[in-house]
Amino acid sequence: MILTSKDLDTKLANLFLNCKDVEAAKAEILALFSEEPDDEHQWTEHDIYEQMRKIIRKNS
């Protein structure tokens, strides 16, 4: 699973409600999750959610 900017702006927008620096958080998230780690592995929804939560908390 990968994320796009559109995903962050629509489906996951509610996660950013208390985030002070939304653009920085989105940029960091997209840098990590806009591509799969390699050909043999995929990001899981759980991986993405947990890392997003940490990034958003750091930027709040």
C-alpha atoms as a PDB file:
ATOM      1  CA  MET A   1       0.000   0.000   0.000  1.00  0.00           C
ATOM      2  CA  ILE A   2       1.238   3.492  -0.808  1.00  0.00           C
ATOM      3  CA  LEU A   3      -0.132   6.957  -0.064  1.00  0.00           C
ATOM      4  CA  THR A   4      -0.734   9.839  -2.407  1.00  0.00           C
ATOM      5  CA  SER A   5      -1.277  13.505  -1.721  1.00  0.00           C
ATOM      6  CA  LYS A   6      -4.929  13.004  -2.636  1.00  0.00           C
ATOM      7  CA  ASP A   7      -5.270  10.305   0.059  1.00  0.00           C
ATOM      8  CA  LEU A   8      -3.911  12.698   2.675  1.00  0.00           C
ATOM      9  CA  ASP A   9      -6.241  15.484   1.543  1.00  0.00           C
ATOM     10  CA  THR A  10      -9.395  13.363   1.439  1.00  0.00           C
ATOM     11  CA  LYS A  11      -9.546  10.037   3.256  1.00  0.00           C
ATOM     12  CA  LEU A  12      -7.020  10.903   5.966  1.00  0.00           C
ATOM     13  CA  ALA A  13      -7.646  14.643   6.353  1.00  0.00           C
ATOM     14  CA  ASN A  14      -9.227  14.277   9.801  1.00  0.00           C
ATOM     15  CA  LEU A  15      -5.898  13.056  11.227  1.00  0.00           C
ATOM     16  CA  PHE A  16      -4.408  16.516  10.665  1.00  0.00           C
ATOM     17  CA  LEU A  17      -6.997  18.510  12.648  1.00  0.00           C
ATOM     18  CA  ASN A  18      -4.667  19.234  15.601  1.00  0.00           C
ATOM     19  CA  CYS A  19      -1.471  19.428  13.582  1.00  0.00           C
ATOM     20  CA  LYS A  20       0.243  22.844  13.618  1.00  0.00           C
ATOM     21  CA  ASP A  21       2.480  22.277  10.586  1.00  0.00           C
ATOM     22  CA  VAL A  22       0.291  20.241   8.247  1.00  0.00           C
ATOM     23  CA  GLU A  23       2.397  20.757   5.127  1.00  0.00           C
ATOM     24  CA  ALA A  24       5.606  19.605   6.842  1.00  0.00           C
ATOM     25  CA  ALA A  25       3.841  16.533   8.223  1.00  0.00           C
ATOM     26  CA  LYS A  26       2.361  15.672   4.822  1.00  0.00           C
ATOM     27  CA  ALA A  27       5.735  16.103   3.121  1.00  0.00           C
ATOM     28  CA  GLU A  28       7.429  13.772   5.612  1.00  0.00           C
ATOM     29  CA  ILE A  29       4.648  11.182   5.294  1.00  0.00           C
ATOM     30  CA  LEU A  30       4.747  11.262   1.491  1.00  0.00           C
ATOM     31  CA  ALA A  31       8.547  10.968   1.517  1.00  0.00           C
ATOM     32  CA  LEU A  32       8.211   7.732   3.481  1.00  0.00           C
ATOM     33  CA  PHE A  33       5.081   6.165   2.036  1.00  0.00           C
ATOM     34  CA  SER A  34       4.699   7.303  -1.579  1.00  0.00           C
ATOM     35  CA  GLU A  35       6.648   4.227  -2.722  1.00  0.00           C
ATOM     36  CA  GLU A  36       6.880   0.645  -1.491  1.00  0.00           C
ATOM     37  CA  PRO A  37      10.051  -0.188   0.474  1.00  0.00           C
ATOM     38  CA  ASP A  38      11.211  -2.624  -2.237  1.00  0.00           C
ATOM     39  CA  ASP A  39       9.888  -5.155  -4.737  1.00  0.00           C
ATOM     40  CA  GLU A  40       9.418  -7.901  -2.160  1.00  0.00           C
ATOM     41  CA  HIS A  41       7.707  -5.875   0.585  1.00  0.00           C
ATOM     42  CA  GLN A  42       4.679  -3.627   0.953  1.00  0.00           C
ATOM     43  CA  TRP A  43       3.641  -1.108   3.579  1.00  0.00           C
ATOM     44  CA  THR A  44       0.680  -2.321   5.615  1.00  0.00           C
ATOM     45  CA  GLU A  45      -2.121  -0.028   6.704  1.00  0.00           C
ATOM     46  CA  HIS A  46      -0.956  -0.531  10.275  1.00  0.00           C
ATOM     47  CA  ASP A  47       2.631   0.520   9.428  1.00  0.00           C
ATOM     48  CA  ILE A  48       1.386   3.662   7.713  1.00  0.00           C
ATOM     49  CA  TYR A  49      -1.116   4.608  10.415  1.00  0.00           C
ATOM     50  CA  GLU A  50       1.352   4.205  13.285  1.00  0.00           C
ATOM     51  CA  GLN A  51       4.093   6.199  11.566  1.00  0.00           C
ATOM     52  CA  MET A  52       1.632   8.902  10.499  1.00  0.00           C
ATOM     53  CA  ARG A  53       0.413   9.200  14.088  1.00  0.00           C
ATOM     54  CA  LYS A  54       3.993   9.701  15.319  1.00  0.00           C
ATOM     55  CA  ILE A  55       4.810  12.261  12.605  1.00  0.00           C
ATOM     56  CA  ILE A  56       1.621  14.239  13.224  1.00  0.00           C
ATOM     57  CA  ARG A  57       2.168  14.188  16.995  1.00  0.00           C
ATOM     58  CA  LYS A  58       5.719  15.478  16.457  1.00  0.00           C
ATOM     59  CA  ASN A  59       4.335  18.364  14.346  1.00  0.00           C
ATOM     60  CA  SER A  60       1.548  19.274  16.811  1.00  0.00           C
END
